[in-house]
PDB file of N, CA and C in Angstrom:
ATOM      1  N   UNK A   1      50.022 127.459-114.366  1.00  0.00           N
ATOM      2  CA  UNK A   1      48.710 126.901-114.149  1.00  0.00           C
ATOM      3  C   UNK A   1      47.804 127.888-113.418  1.00  0.00           C
ATOM      4  N   UNK A   2      48.361 128.939-112.846  1.00  0.00           N
ATOM      5  CA  UNK A   2      47.550 129.946-112.186  1.00  0.00           C
ATOM      6  C   UNK A   2      46.565 130.527-113.185  1.00  0.00           C
ATOM      7  N   UNK A   3      45.308 130.573-112.820  1.00  0.00           N
ATOM      8  CA  UNK A   3      44.301 131.151-113.692  1.00  0.00           C
ATOM      9  C   UNK A   3      43.879 130.254-114.843  1.00  0.00           C
ATOM     10  N   UNK A   4      44.525 129.132-115.031  1.00  0.00           N
ATOM     11  CA  UNK A   4      44.181 128.195-116.094  1.00  0.00           C
ATOM     12  C   UNK A   4      44.251 126.781-115.511  1.00  0.00           C
ATOM     13  N   UNK A   5      43.293 126.425-114.654  1.00  0.00           N
ATOM     14  CA  UNK A   5      43.371 125.126-113.969  1.00  0.00           C
ATOM     15  C   UNK A   5      43.128 123.961-114.917  1.00  0.00           C
ATOM     16  N   UNK A   6      43.722 122.836-114.560  1.00  0.00           N
ATOM     17  CA  UNK A   6      43.538 121.588-115.289  1.00  0.00           C
ATOM     18  C   UNK A   6      43.216 120.491-114.288  1.00  0.00           C
ATOM     19  N   UNK A   7      42.448 119.508-114.728  1.00  0.00           N
ATOM     20  CA  UNK A   7      42.116 118.353-113.904  1.00  0.00           C
ATOM     21  C   UNK A   7      43.214 117.321-114.134  1.00  0.00           C
ATOM     22  N   UNK A   8      43.913 116.961-113.065  1.00  0.00           N
ATOM     23  CA  UNK A   8      45.037 116.039-113.163  1.00  0.00           C
ATOM     24  C   UNK A   8      44.699 114.688-112.557  1.00  0.00           C
ATOM     25  N   UNK A   9      45.292 113.662-113.130  1.00  0.00           N
ATOM     26  CA  UNK A   9      45.167 112.308-112.602  1.00  0.00           C
ATOM     27  C   UNK A   9      46.524 111.643-112.753  1.00  0.00           C
ATOM     28  N   UNK A  10      47.029 111.090-111.670  1.00  0.00           N
ATOM     29  CA  UNK A  10      48.297 110.371-111.676  1.00  0.00           C
ATOM     30  C   UNK A  10      48.000 108.901-111.424  1.00  0.00           C
ATOM     31  N   UNK A  11      48.367 108.047-112.364  1.00  0.00           N
ATOM     32  CA  UNK A  11      48.186 106.605-112.210  1.00  0.00           C
ATOM     33  C   UNK A  11      49.540 105.966-111.969  1.00  0.00           C
ATOM     34  N   UNK A  12      49.621 105.150-110.925  1.00  0.00           N
ATOM     35  CA  UNK A  12      50.839 104.416-110.587  1.00  0.00           C
ATOM     36  C   UNK A  12      50.584 102.939-110.855  1.00  0.00           C
ATOM     37  N   UNK A  13      51.524 102.283-111.511  1.00  0.00           N
ATOM     38  CA  UNK A  13      51.375 100.879-111.880  1.00  0.00           C
ATOM     39  C   UNK A  13      52.549 100.072-111.345  1.00  0.00           C
ATOM     40  N   UNK A  14      52.272  98.857-110.907  1.00  0.00           N
ATOM     41  CA  UNK A  14      53.322  97.909-110.574  1.00  0.00           C
ATOM     42  C   UNK A  14      53.066  96.683-111.442  1.00  0.00           C
ATOM     43  N   UNK A  15      53.893  96.493-112.467  1.00  0.00           N
ATOM     44  CA  UNK A  15      53.689  95.392-113.409  1.00  0.00           C
ATOM     45  C   UNK A  15      53.934  94.030-112.784  1.00  0.00           C
ATOM     46  N   UNK A  16      54.732  93.980-111.723  1.00  0.00           N
ATOM     47  CA  UNK A  16      55.026  92.705-111.062  1.00  0.00           C
ATOM     48  C   UNK A  16      53.954  92.311-110.056  1.00  0.00           C
ATOM     49  N   UNK A  17      53.372  93.299-109.387  1.00  0.00           N
ATOM     50  CA  UNK A  17      52.334  93.064-108.387  1.00  0.00           C
ATOM     51  C   UNK A  17      51.280  94.163-108.535  1.00  0.00           C
ATOM     52  N   UNK A  18      50.258  93.940-109.370  1.00  0.00           N
ATOM     53  CA  UNK A  18      49.275  94.992-109.663  1.00  0.00           C
ATOM     54  C   UNK A  18      48.610  95.606-108.433  1.00  0.00           C
ATOM     55  N   UNK A  19      48.588  94.903-107.323  1.00  0.00           N
ATOM     56  CA  UNK A  19      47.982  95.443-106.115  1.00  0.00           C
ATOM     57  C   UNK A  19      48.894  96.388-105.352  1.00  0.00           C
ATOM     58  N   UNK A  20      50.172  96.458-105.724  1.00  0.00           N
ATOM     59  CA  UNK A  20      51.159  97.262-105.005  1.00  0.00           C
ATOM     60  C   UNK A  20      51.465  98.541-105.766  1.00  0.00           C
ATOM     61  N   UNK A  21      50.531  99.481-105.788  1.00  0.00           N
ATOM     62  CA  UNK A  21      50.736 100.741-106.500  1.00  0.00           C
ATOM     63  C   UNK A  21      51.684 101.663-105.760  1.00  0.00           C
ATOM     64  N   UNK A  22      51.955 101.393-104.474  1.00  0.00           N
ATOM     65  CA  UNK A  22      52.868 102.242-103.706  1.00  0.00           C
ATOM     66  C   UNK A  22      54.326 102.011-104.078  1.00  0.00           C
ATOM     67  N   UNK A  23      54.606 100.954-104.803  1.00  0.00           N
ATOM     68  CA  UNK A  23      55.959 100.644-105.265  1.00  0.00           C
ATOM     69  C   UNK A  23      55.905 100.504-106.790  1.00  0.00           C
ATOM     70  N   UNK A  24      55.682 101.614-107.498  1.00  0.00           N
ATOM     71  CA  UNK A  24      55.388 101.540-108.930  1.00  0.00           C
ATOM     72  C   UNK A  24      56.599 101.153-109.776  1.00  0.00           C
ATOM     73  N   UNK A  25      56.308 100.463-110.877  1.00  0.00           N
ATOM     74  CA  UNK A  25      57.323 100.216-111.892  1.00  0.00           C
ATOM     75  C   UNK A  25      57.190 101.243-113.010  1.00  0.00           C
ATOM     76  N   UNK A  26      56.014 101.905-113.094  1.00  0.00           N
ATOM     77  CA  UNK A  26      55.790 102.959-114.086  1.00  0.00           C
ATOM     78  C   UNK A  26      54.620 103.824-113.628  1.00  0.00           C
ATOM     79  N   UNK A  27      54.511 104.998-114.239  1.00  0.00           N
ATOM     80  CA  UNK A  27      53.432 105.927-113.912  1.00  0.00           C
ATOM     81  C   UNK A  27      53.008 106.684-115.155  1.00  0.00           C
ATOM     82  N   UNK A  28      51.796 107.237-115.110  1.00  0.00           N
ATOM     83  CA  UNK A  28      51.260 108.065-116.184  1.00  0.00           C
ATOM     84  C   UNK A  28      50.571 109.266-115.563  1.00  0.00           C
ATOM     85  N   UNK A  29      50.766 110.432-116.182  1.00  0.00           N
ATOM     86  CA  UNK A  29      50.100 111.656-115.751  1.00  0.00           C
ATOM     87  C   UNK A  29      49.138 112.096-116.840  1.00  0.00           C
ATOM     88  N   UNK A  30      47.901 112.361-116.439  1.00  0.00           N
ATOM     89  CA  UNK A  30      46.863 112.830-117.354  1.00  0.00           C
ATOM     90  C   UNK A  30      46.455 114.244-116.950  1.00  0.00           C
ATOM     91  N   UNK A  31      46.223 115.082-117.938  1.00  0.00           N
ATOM     92  CA  UNK A  31      45.668 116.420-117.713  1.00  0.00           C
ATOM     93  C   UNK A  31      44.437 116.540-118.588  1.00  0.00           C
ATOM     94  N   UNK A  32      43.316 116.815-117.964  1.00  0.00           N
ATOM     95  CA  UNK A  32      42.047 116.956-118.684  1.00  0.00           C
ATOM     96  C   UNK A  32      41.728 115.721-119.511  1.00  0.00           C
ATOM     97  N   UNK A  33      42.112 114.546-119.009  1.00  0.00           N
ATOM     98  CA  UNK A  33      41.821 113.284-119.682  1.00  0.00           C
ATOM     99  C   UNK A  33      42.815 112.896-120.758  1.00  0.00           C
ATOM    100  N   UNK A  34      43.854 113.701-120.985  1.00  0.00           N
ATOM    101  CA  UNK A  34      44.857 113.424-122.017  1.00  0.00           C
ATOM    102  C   UNK A  34      46.162 113.011-121.339  1.00  0.00           C
ATOM    103  N   UNK A  35      46.723 111.879-121.760  1.00  0.00           N
ATOM    104  CA  UNK A  35      48.008 111.453-121.197  1.00  0.00           C
ATOM    105  C   UNK A  35      49.093 112.405-121.681  1.00  0.00           C
ATOM    106  N   UNK A  36      49.791 113.036-120.731  1.00  0.00           N
ATOM    107  CA  UNK A  36      50.809 114.010-121.102  1.00  0.00           C
ATOM    108  C   UNK A  36      52.215 113.598-120.687  1.00  0.00           C
ATOM    109  N   UNK A  37      52.333 112.577-119.833  1.00  0.00           N
ATOM    110  CA  UNK A  37      53.668 112.131-119.419  1.00  0.00           C
ATOM    111  C   UNK A  37      53.600 110.718-118.876  1.00  0.00           C
ATOM    112  N   UNK A  38      54.675 109.995-119.073  1.00  0.00           N
ATOM    113  CA  UNK A  38      54.844 108.668-118.473  1.00  0.00           C
ATOM    114  C   UNK A  38      56.285 108.581-117.992  1.00  0.00           C
ATOM    115  N   UNK A  39      56.512 107.671-117.100  1.00  0.00           N
ATOM    116  CA  UNK A  39      57.869 107.485-116.605  1.00  0.00           C
ATOM    117  C   UNK A  39      58.004 106.153-115.904  1.00  0.00           C
ATOM    118  N   UNK A  40      59.233 105.827-115.545  1.00  0.00           N
ATOM    119  CA  UNK A  40      59.427 104.570-114.830  1.00  0.00           C
ATOM    120  C   UNK A  40      59.331 104.815-113.327  1.00  0.00           C
ATOM    121  N   UNK A  41      59.060 103.745-112.617  1.00  0.00           N
ATOM    122  CA  UNK A  41      58.843 103.842-111.181  1.00  0.00           C
ATOM    123  C   UNK A  41      60.068 104.280-110.418  1.00  0.00           C
ATOM    124  N   UNK A  42      61.250 103.874-110.864  1.00  0.00           N
ATOM    125  CA  UNK A  42      62.475 104.254-110.166  1.00  0.00           C
ATOM    126  C   UNK A  42      62.628 105.770-110.144  1.00  0.00           C
ATOM    127  N   UNK A  43      62.323 106.404-111.262  1.00  0.00           N
ATOM    128  CA  UNK A  43      62.426 107.869-111.334  1.00  0.00           C
ATOM    129  C   UNK A  43      61.443 108.525-110.367  1.00  0.00           C
ATOM    130  N   UNK A  44      60.208 108.037-110.345  1.00  0.00           N
ATOM    131  CA  UNK A  44      59.209 108.598-109.438  1.00  0.00           C
ATOM    132  C   UNK A  44      59.639 108.419-107.987  1.00  0.00           C
ATOM    133  N   UNK A  45      60.140 107.231-107.645  1.00  0.00           N
ATOM    134  CA  UNK A  45      60.588 106.994-106.268  1.00  0.00           C
ATOM    135  C   UNK A  45      61.751 107.905-105.908  1.00  0.00           C
ATOM    136  N   UNK A  46      62.695 108.102-106.833  1.00  0.00           N
ATOM    137  CA  UNK A  46      63.830 108.990-106.577  1.00  0.00           C
ATOM    138  C   UNK A  46      63.353 110.418-106.334  1.00  0.00           C
ATOM    139  N   UNK A  47      62.391 110.875-107.143  1.00  0.00           N
ATOM    140  CA  UNK A  47      61.839 112.224-106.941  1.00  0.00           C
ATOM    141  C   UNK A  47      61.183 112.336-105.576  1.00  0.00           C
ATOM    142  N   UNK A  48      60.396 111.326-105.192  1.00  0.00           N
ATOM    143  CA  UNK A  48      59.717 111.371-103.904  1.00  0.00           C
ATOM    144  C   UNK A  48      60.706 111.300-102.755  1.00  0.00           C
ATOM    145  N   UNK A  49      61.805 110.556-102.924  1.00  0.00           N
ATOM    146  CA  UNK A  49      62.815 110.508-101.857  1.00  0.00           C
ATOM    147  C   UNK A  49      63.440 111.879-101.660  1.00  0.00           C
ATOM    148  N   UNK A  50      63.640 112.591-102.774  1.00  0.00           N
ATOM    149  CA  UNK A  50      64.166 113.965-102.679  1.00  0.00           C
ATOM    150  C   UNK A  50      63.153 114.825-101.945  1.00  0.00           C
ATOM    151  N   UNK A  51      61.929 114.835-102.442  1.00  0.00           N
ATOM    152  CA  UNK A  51      60.811 115.509-101.776  1.00  0.00           C
ATOM    153  C   UNK A  51      59.576 115.349-102.646  1.00  0.00           C
ATOM    154  N   UNK A  52      58.426 115.357-102.007  1.00  0.00           N
ATOM    155  CA  UNK A  52      57.178 115.284-102.765  1.00  0.00           C
ATOM    156  C   UNK A  52      57.046 116.521-103.646  1.00  0.00           C
ATOM    157  N   UNK A  53      57.600 117.628-103.187  1.00  0.00           N
ATOM    158  CA  UNK A  53      57.539 118.863-103.968  1.00  0.00           C
ATOM    159  C   UNK A  53      58.319 118.731-105.278  1.00  0.00           C
ATOM    160  N   UNK A  54      59.406 117.948-105.290  1.00  0.00           N
ATOM    161  CA  UNK A  54      60.184 117.753-106.522  1.00  0.00           C
ATOM    162  C   UNK A  54      59.325 117.072-107.583  1.00  0.00           C
ATOM    163  N   UNK A  55      58.567 116.042-107.188  1.00  0.00           N
ATOM    164  CA  UNK A  55      57.699 115.361-108.147  1.00  0.00           C
ATOM    165  C   UNK A  55      56.549 116.266-108.566  1.00  0.00           C
ATOM    166  N   UNK A  56      55.994 117.005-107.616  1.00  0.00           N
ATOM    167  CA  UNK A  56      54.926 117.958-107.941  1.00  0.00           C
ATOM    168  C   UNK A  56      55.422 118.996-108.954  1.00  0.00           C
ATOM    169  N   UNK A  57      56.637 119.510-108.732  1.00  0.00           N
ATOM    170  CA  UNK A  57      57.192 120.504-109.648  1.00  0.00           C
ATOM    171  C   UNK A  57      57.433 119.905-111.030  1.00  0.00           C
ATOM    172  N   UNK A  58      57.860 118.640-111.086  1.00  0.00           N
ATOM    173  CA  UNK A  58      58.024 117.960-112.360  1.00  0.00           C
ATOM    174  C   UNK A  58      56.679 117.893-113.086  1.00  0.00           C
ATOM    175  N   UNK A  59      55.639 117.467-112.381  1.00  0.00           N
ATOM    176  CA  UNK A  59      54.301 117.361-112.983  1.00  0.00           C
ATOM    177  C   UNK A  59      53.800 118.734-113.416  1.00  0.00           C
ATOM    178  N   UNK A  60      54.019 119.745-112.599  1.00  0.00           N
ATOM    179  CA  UNK A  60      53.583 121.099-112.948  1.00  0.00           C
ATOM    180  C   UNK A  60      54.269 121.568-114.230  1.00  0.00           C
ATOM    181  N   UNK A  61      55.574 121.313-114.348  1.00  0.00           N
ATOM    182  CA  UNK A  61      56.306 121.697-115.555  1.00  0.00           C
ATOM    183  C   UNK A  61      55.798 120.987-116.791  1.00  0.00           C
ATOM    184  N   UNK A  62      55.460 119.692-116.642  1.00  0.00           N
ATOM    185  CA  UNK A  62      54.925 118.927-117.771  1.00  0.00           C
ATOM    186  C   UNK A  62      53.585 119.499-118.208  1.00  0.00           C
ATOM    187  N   UNK A  63      52.728 119.824-117.261  1.00  0.00           N
ATOM    188  CA  UNK A  63      51.414 120.368-117.591  1.00  0.00           C
ATOM    189  C   UNK A  63      51.576 121.715-118.292  1.00  0.00           C
ATOM    190  N   UNK A  64      52.449 122.566-117.768  1.00  0.00           N
ATOM    191  CA  UNK A  64      52.641 123.885-118.372  1.00  0.00           C
ATOM    192  C   UNK A  64      53.223 123.779-119.780  1.00  0.00           C
ATOM    193  N   UNK A  65      54.045 122.744-120.028  1.00  0.00           N
ATOM    194  CA  UNK A  65      54.658 122.586-121.335  1.00  0.00           C
ATOM    195  C   UNK A  65      53.873 121.723-122.306  1.00  0.00           C
ATOM    196  N   UNK A  66      52.792 121.132-121.835  1.00  0.00           N
ATOM    197  CA  UNK A  66      52.016 120.230-122.696  1.00  0.00           C
ATOM    198  C   UNK A  66      51.277 121.022-123.765  1.00  0.00           C
ATOM    199  N   UNK A  67      51.419 120.598-124.987  1.00  0.00           N
ATOM    200  CA  UNK A  67      50.675 121.224-126.075  1.00  0.00           C
ATOM    201  C   UNK A  67      49.303 120.592-126.202  1.00  0.00           C
ATOM    202  N   UNK A  68      48.374 121.327-126.734  1.00  0.00           N
ATOM    203  CA  UNK A  68      47.069 120.776-127.024  1.00  0.00           C
ATOM    204  C   UNK A  68      46.077 120.823-125.882  1.00  0.00           C
ATOM    205  N   UNK A  69      46.495 121.317-124.692  1.00  0.00           N
ATOM    206  CA  UNK A  69      45.532 121.440-123.604  1.00  0.00           C
ATOM    207  C   UNK A  69      44.748 122.726-123.801  1.00  0.00           C
ATOM    208  N   UNK A  70      43.467 122.618-123.634  1.00  0.00           N
ATOM    209  CA  UNK A  70      42.592 123.766-123.847  1.00  0.00           C
ATOM    210  C   UNK A  70      42.439 124.566-122.560  1.00  0.00           C
ATOM    211  N   UNK A  71      42.147 125.843-122.710  1.00  0.00           N
ATOM    212  CA  UNK A  71      41.745 126.641-121.562  1.00  0.00           C
ATOM    213  C   UNK A  71      40.331 126.213-121.210  1.00  0.00           C
ATOM    214  N   UNK A  72      40.150 125.731-120.001  1.00  0.00           N
ATOM    215  CA  UNK A  72      38.843 125.225-119.589  1.00  0.00           C
ATOM    216  C   UNK A  72      38.006 126.346-118.991  1.00  0.00           C
ATOM    217  N   UNK A  73      36.745 126.345-119.337  1.00  0.00           N
ATOM    218  CA  UNK A  73      35.818 127.249-118.653  1.00  0.00           C
ATOM    219  C   UNK A  73      35.603 126.685-117.250  1.00  0.00           C
ATOM    220  N   UNK A  74      35.055 127.493-116.378  1.00  0.00           N
ATOM    221  CA  UNK A  74      34.765 127.032-115.022  1.00  0.00           C
ATOM    222  C   UNK A  74      33.852 125.813-115.058  1.00  0.00           C
ATOM    223  N   UNK A  75      32.875 125.837-115.938  1.00  0.00           N
ATOM    224  CA  UNK A  75      31.928 124.710-116.051  1.00  0.00           C
ATOM    225  C   UNK A  75      32.641 123.446-116.523  1.00  0.00           C
ATOM    226  N   UNK A  76      33.502 123.566-117.541  1.00  0.00           N
ATOM    227  CA  UNK A  76      34.245 122.401-118.043  1.00  0.00           C
ATOM    228  C   UNK A  76      35.156 121.827-116.958  1.00  0.00           C
ATOM    229  N   UNK A  77      35.818 122.706-116.220  1.00  0.00           N
ATOM    230  CA  UNK A  77      36.685 122.265-115.131  1.00  0.00           C
ATOM    231  C   UNK A  77      35.885 121.491-114.083  1.00  0.00           C
ATOM    232  N   UNK A  78      34.728 122.035-113.712  1.00  0.00           N
ATOM    233  CA  UNK A  78      33.900 121.348-112.712  1.00  0.00           C
ATOM    234  C   UNK A  78      33.402 120.005-113.229  1.00  0.00           C
ATOM    235  N   UNK A  79      33.021 119.925-114.506  1.00  0.00           N
ATOM    236  CA  UNK A  79      32.566 118.655-115.076  1.00  0.00           C
ATOM    237  C   UNK A  79      33.684 117.617-115.101  1.00  0.00           C
ATOM    238  N   UNK A  80      34.874 118.026-115.531  1.00  0.00           N
ATOM    239  CA  UNK A  80      36.002 117.088-115.548  1.00  0.00           C
ATOM    240  C   UNK A  80      36.380 116.648-114.137  1.00  0.00           C
ATOM    241  N   UNK A  81      36.331 117.567-113.194  1.00  0.00           N
ATOM    242  CA  UNK A  81      36.622 117.217-111.795  1.00  0.00           C
ATOM    243  C   UNK A  81      35.617 116.197-111.272  1.00  0.00           C
ATOM    244  N   UNK A  82      34.347 116.401-111.593  1.00  0.00           N
ATOM    245  CA  UNK A  82      33.311 115.455-111.166  1.00  0.00           C
ATOM    246  C   UNK A  82      33.519 114.098-111.825  1.00  0.00           C
ATOM    247  N   UNK A  83      33.860 114.084-113.106  1.00  0.00           N
ATOM    248  CA  UNK A  83      34.103 112.818-113.813  1.00  0.00           C
ATOM    249  C   UNK A  83      35.292 112.085-113.201  1.00  0.00           C
ATOM    250  N   UNK A  84      36.353 112.819-112.855  1.00  0.00           N
ATOM    251  CA  UNK A  84      37.511 112.196-112.216  1.00  0.00           C
ATOM    252  C   UNK A  84      37.119 111.591-110.874  1.00  0.00           C
ATOM    253  N   UNK A  85      36.295 112.306-110.113  1.00  0.00           N
ATOM    254  CA  UNK A  85      35.867 111.797-108.811  1.00  0.00           C
ATOM    255  C   UNK A  85      35.031 110.526-108.972  1.00  0.00           C
ATOM    256  N   UNK A  86      34.170 110.490-109.967  1.00  0.00           N
ATOM    257  CA  UNK A  86      33.376 109.286-110.235  1.00  0.00           C
ATOM    258  C   UNK A  86      34.292 108.134-110.629  1.00  0.00           C
ATOM    259  N   UNK A  87      35.251 108.394-111.509  1.00  0.00           N
ATOM    260  CA  UNK A  87      36.181 107.350-111.964  1.00  0.00           C
ATOM    261  C   UNK A  87      37.018 106.827-110.809  1.00  0.00           C
ATOM    262  N   UNK A  88      37.314 107.687-109.844  1.00  0.00           N
ATOM    263  CA  UNK A  88      38.123 107.274-108.693  1.00  0.00           C
ATOM    264  C   UNK A  88      37.430 106.165-107.902  1.00  0.00           C
ATOM    265  N   UNK A  89      36.109 106.164-107.933  1.00  0.00           N
ATOM    266  CA  UNK A  89      35.343 105.162-107.195  1.00  0.00           C
ATOM    267  C   UNK A  89      34.905 103.983-108.059  1.00  0.00           C
ATOM    268  N   UNK A  90      35.266 104.020-109.328  1.00  0.00           N
ATOM    269  CA  UNK A  90      34.909 102.945-110.255  1.00  0.00           C
ATOM    270  C   UNK A  90      35.706 101.688-109.912  1.00  0.00           C
ATOM    271  N   UNK A  91      35.088 100.550-110.116  1.00  0.00           N
ATOM    272  CA  UNK A  91      35.782  99.292-109.831  1.00  0.00           C
ATOM    273  C   UNK A  91      36.981  99.118-110.762  1.00  0.00           C
ATOM    274  N   UNK A  92      37.948  98.297-110.306  1.00  0.00           N
ATOM    275  CA  UNK A  92      39.088  97.979-111.166  1.00  0.00           C
ATOM    276  C   UNK A  92      38.571  97.421-112.483  1.00  0.00           C
ATOM    277  N   UNK A  93      39.288  97.703-113.564  1.00  0.00           N
ATOM    278  CA  UNK A  93      38.806  97.353-114.891  1.00  0.00           C
ATOM    279  C   UNK A  93      39.802  96.476-115.627  1.00  0.00           C
ATOM    280  N   UNK A  94      39.320  95.460-116.287  1.00  0.00           N
ATOM    281  CA  UNK A  94      40.102  94.678-117.237  1.00  0.00           C
ATOM    282  C   UNK A  94      41.382  94.090-116.646  1.00  0.00           C
ATOM    283  N   UNK A  95      41.402  93.828-115.339  1.00  0.00           N
ATOM    284  CA  UNK A  95      42.575  93.231-114.728  1.00  0.00           C
ATOM    285  C   UNK A  95      43.759  94.171-114.574  1.00  0.00           C
ATOM    286  N   UNK A  96      43.585  95.467-114.856  1.00  0.00           N
ATOM    287  CA  UNK A  96      44.711  96.396-114.767  1.00  0.00           C
ATOM    288  C   UNK A  96      44.920  96.924-113.363  1.00  0.00           C
ATOM    289  N   UNK A  97      43.925  96.795-112.501  1.00  0.00           N
ATOM    290  CA  UNK A  97      43.972  97.298-111.132  1.00  0.00           C
ATOM    291  C   UNK A  97      44.222  98.790-111.086  1.00  0.00           C
ATOM    292  N   UNK A  98      43.617  99.515-112.020  1.00  0.00           N
ATOM    293  CA  UNK A  98      43.710 100.963-112.052  1.00  0.00           C
ATOM    294  C   UNK A  98      42.290 101.496-111.947  1.00  0.00           C
ATOM    295  N   UNK A  99      42.035 102.337-110.947  1.00  0.00           N
ATOM    296  CA  UNK A  99      40.705 102.912-110.811  1.00  0.00           C
ATOM    297  C   UNK A  99      40.381 103.726-112.049  1.00  0.00           C
ATOM    298  N   UNK A 100      39.197 103.516-112.585  1.00  0.00           N
ATOM    299  CA  UNK A 100      38.743 104.311-113.719  1.00  0.00           C
ATOM    300  C   UNK A 100      39.471 104.018-115.011  1.00  0.00           C
ATOM    301  N   UNK A 101      40.170 102.886-115.089  1.00  0.00           N
ATOM    302  CA  UNK A 101      40.925 102.549-116.296  1.00  0.00           C
ATOM    303  C   UNK A 101      39.997 102.136-117.414  1.00  0.00           C
ATOM    304  N   UNK A 102      40.379 102.453-118.619  1.00  0.00           N
ATOM    305  CA  UNK A 102      39.592 101.958-119.752  1.00  0.00           C
ATOM    306  C   UNK A 102      40.179 100.623-120.184  1.00  0.00           C
ATOM    307  N   UNK A 103      39.507  99.967-121.072  1.00  0.00           N
ATOM    308  CA  UNK A 103      39.996  98.679-121.539  1.00  0.00           C
ATOM    309  C   UNK A 103      41.082  98.839-122.602  1.00  0.00           C
ATOM    310  N   UNK A 104      41.367 100.076-122.975  1.00  0.00           N
ATOM    311  CA  UNK A 104      42.403 100.334-123.965  1.00  0.00           C
ATOM    312  C   UNK A 104      43.638 100.892-123.274  1.00  0.00           C
ATOM    313  N   UNK A 105      44.764 100.178-123.281  1.00  0.00           N
ATOM    314  CA  UNK A 105      45.967 100.661-122.597  1.00  0.00           C
ATOM    315  C   UNK A 105      46.348 102.051-123.087  1.00  0.00           C
ATOM    316  N   UNK A 106      46.793 102.872-122.128  1.00  0.00           N
ATOM    317  CA  UNK A 106      47.227 104.221-122.459  1.00  0.00           C
ATOM    318  C   UNK A 106      46.112 105.228-122.589  1.00  0.00           C
ATOM    319  N   UNK A 107      44.881 104.808-122.346  1.00  0.00           N
ATOM    320  CA  UNK A 107      43.742 105.726-122.444  1.00  0.00           C
ATOM    321  C   UNK A 107      43.139 105.897-121.059  1.00  0.00           C
ATOM    322  N   UNK A 108      42.773 107.093-120.716  1.00  0.00           N
ATOM    323  CA  UNK A 108      42.145 107.352-119.418  1.00  0.00           C
ATOM    324  C   UNK A 108      40.647 107.293-119.551  1.00  0.00           C
TER     325      UNK A 108
END
């Protein structure tokens, strides 16, 4: 990722208690607005128990191995970063309790 930055977003979901994102049942990782990985909450919790760096390294490996991600210009990177920041403050959508969620499951 050095020299080729990507805008990342990690969404944590708890299907049993949508307000409890700290105890996820599943997660999704987006790079530049494209979903590139999903997993179950138990796996994420196990990685975090090992270390936050273990989960970060997992995400970094997924981003580096993801096909179809474009090399972003500085301007594109800044625009996507700004859009992510705006979405972070967007109200919960469609009962999913995910900031910046669209009404279509699996779409950022």
